[in-house]
């Protein structure tokens, strides 16, 4: 299980949280596109990456890989 989680609301919005804290709420076409991609995600790692990208909280290329 990763650090990100999401939930769909009754009014077709998507709320994304990181470690239990609300980060972003998606509505309209962005929410629909996210829900579609989340349903098609192959596993938890792919879903975590999708949520990281949507929130803008993903690797920027300056992190070093662990040896």
C-alpha atoms as a PDB file:
ATOM      1  CA  UNK A   1       0.000   0.000   0.000  1.00  0.00           C
ATOM      2  CA  UNK A   2       1.303   3.431  -0.903  1.00  0.00           C
ATOM      3  CA  UNK A   3       1.152   6.889   0.539  1.00  0.00           C
ATOM      4  CA  UNK A   4      -1.613   8.132  -1.771  1.00  0.00           C
ATOM      5  CA  UNK A   5      -5.300   7.316  -1.515  1.00  0.00           C
ATOM      6  CA  UNK A   6      -8.415   8.549  -3.264  1.00  0.00           C
ATOM      7  CA  UNK A   7     -12.142   8.459  -2.886  1.00  0.00           C
ATOM      8  CA  UNK A   8     -15.021   9.162  -5.222  1.00  0.00           C
ATOM      9  CA  UNK A   9     -17.745  11.440  -3.897  1.00  0.00           C
ATOM     10  CA  UNK A  10     -21.450  11.327  -4.682  1.00  0.00           C
ATOM     11  CA  UNK A  11     -21.186  14.443  -6.843  1.00  0.00           C
ATOM     12  CA  UNK A  12     -18.634  12.768  -9.185  1.00  0.00           C
ATOM     13  CA  UNK A  13     -15.574  14.415  -7.691  1.00  0.00           C
ATOM     14  CA  UNK A  14     -12.330  12.685  -6.767  1.00  0.00           C
ATOM     15  CA  UNK A  15     -10.492  13.597  -3.577  1.00  0.00           C
ATOM     16  CA  UNK A  16      -6.834  12.585  -3.420  1.00  0.00           C
ATOM     17  CA  UNK A  17      -4.925  12.425  -0.136  1.00  0.00           C
ATOM     18  CA  UNK A  18      -1.268  11.867   0.675  1.00  0.00           C
ATOM     19  CA  UNK A  19      -0.623  10.123   3.997  1.00  0.00           C
ATOM     20  CA  UNK A  20      -4.147  10.945   5.116  1.00  0.00           C
ATOM     21  CA  UNK A  21      -3.995  14.676   4.315  1.00  0.00           C
ATOM     22  CA  UNK A  22      -6.164  16.101   1.559  1.00  0.00           C
ATOM     23  CA  UNK A  23      -4.078  17.257  -1.409  1.00  0.00           C
ATOM     24  CA  UNK A  24      -6.393  17.948  -4.331  1.00  0.00           C
ATOM     25  CA  UNK A  25      -9.997  17.599  -5.459  1.00  0.00           C
ATOM     26  CA  UNK A  26     -10.692  16.824  -9.098  1.00  0.00           C
ATOM     27  CA  UNK A  27     -13.993  17.700 -10.745  1.00  0.00           C
ATOM     28  CA  UNK A  28     -15.534  17.514 -14.191  1.00  0.00           C
ATOM     29  CA  UNK A  29     -13.531  16.005 -17.045  1.00  0.00           C
ATOM     30  CA  UNK A  30     -10.358  15.656 -14.946  1.00  0.00           C
ATOM     31  CA  UNK A  31     -12.229  13.582 -12.360  1.00  0.00           C
ATOM     32  CA  UNK A  32     -13.815  11.386 -15.028  1.00  0.00           C
ATOM     33  CA  UNK A  33     -10.463  10.830 -16.761  1.00  0.00           C
ATOM     34  CA  UNK A  34      -8.793   9.979 -13.427  1.00  0.00           C
ATOM     35  CA  UNK A  35     -11.546   7.521 -12.458  1.00  0.00           C
ATOM     36  CA  UNK A  36     -11.247   5.805 -15.835  1.00  0.00           C
ATOM     37  CA  UNK A  37      -7.462   5.495 -15.557  1.00  0.00           C
ATOM     38  CA  UNK A  38      -7.656   4.357 -11.919  1.00  0.00           C
ATOM     39  CA  UNK A  39     -10.062   1.590 -12.890  1.00  0.00           C
ATOM     40  CA  UNK A  40      -7.690   0.421 -15.614  1.00  0.00           C
ATOM     41  CA  UNK A  41      -4.571   0.562 -13.403  1.00  0.00           C
ATOM     42  CA  UNK A  42      -2.712  -2.758 -13.385  1.00  0.00           C
ATOM     43  CA  UNK A  43      -1.712  -2.630  -9.719  1.00  0.00           C
ATOM     44  CA  UNK A  44      -1.072  -0.502  -6.680  1.00  0.00           C
ATOM     45  CA  UNK A  45       2.269   0.814  -7.954  1.00  0.00           C
ATOM     46  CA  UNK A  46       0.696   2.084 -11.173  1.00  0.00           C
ATOM     47  CA  UNK A  47      -2.186   3.646  -9.230  1.00  0.00           C
ATOM     48  CA  UNK A  48       0.245   5.370  -6.841  1.00  0.00           C
ATOM     49  CA  UNK A  49       2.172   6.808  -9.799  1.00  0.00           C
ATOM     50  CA  UNK A  50      -1.063   8.047 -11.380  1.00  0.00           C
ATOM     51  CA  UNK A  51      -2.070   9.859  -8.184  1.00  0.00           C
ATOM     52  CA  UNK A  52       1.427  11.320  -7.786  1.00  0.00           C
ATOM     53  CA  UNK A  53       1.274  12.690 -11.321  1.00  0.00           C
ATOM     54  CA  UNK A  54      -2.171  14.193 -10.852  1.00  0.00           C
ATOM     55  CA  UNK A  55      -1.113  15.971  -7.670  1.00  0.00           C
ATOM     56  CA  UNK A  56       2.196  17.117  -9.155  1.00  0.00           C
ATOM     57  CA  UNK A  57       4.038  15.315  -6.359  1.00  0.00           C
ATOM     58  CA  UNK A  58       6.294  12.983  -8.305  1.00  0.00           C
ATOM     59  CA  UNK A  59       9.991  12.593  -9.026  1.00  0.00           C
ATOM     60  CA  UNK A  60      11.492  15.521 -10.862  1.00  0.00           C
ATOM     61  CA  UNK A  61      14.644  13.747 -12.025  1.00  0.00           C
ATOM     62  CA  UNK A  62      17.073  15.035  -9.432  1.00  0.00           C
ATOM     63  CA  UNK A  63      16.677  12.136  -6.993  1.00  0.00           C
ATOM     64  CA  UNK A  64      19.451   9.562  -6.914  1.00  0.00           C
ATOM     65  CA  UNK A  65      18.611   5.900  -7.103  1.00  0.00           C
ATOM     66  CA  UNK A  66      19.527   3.789  -4.071  1.00  0.00           C
ATOM     67  CA  UNK A  67      22.495   1.503  -4.656  1.00  0.00           C
END
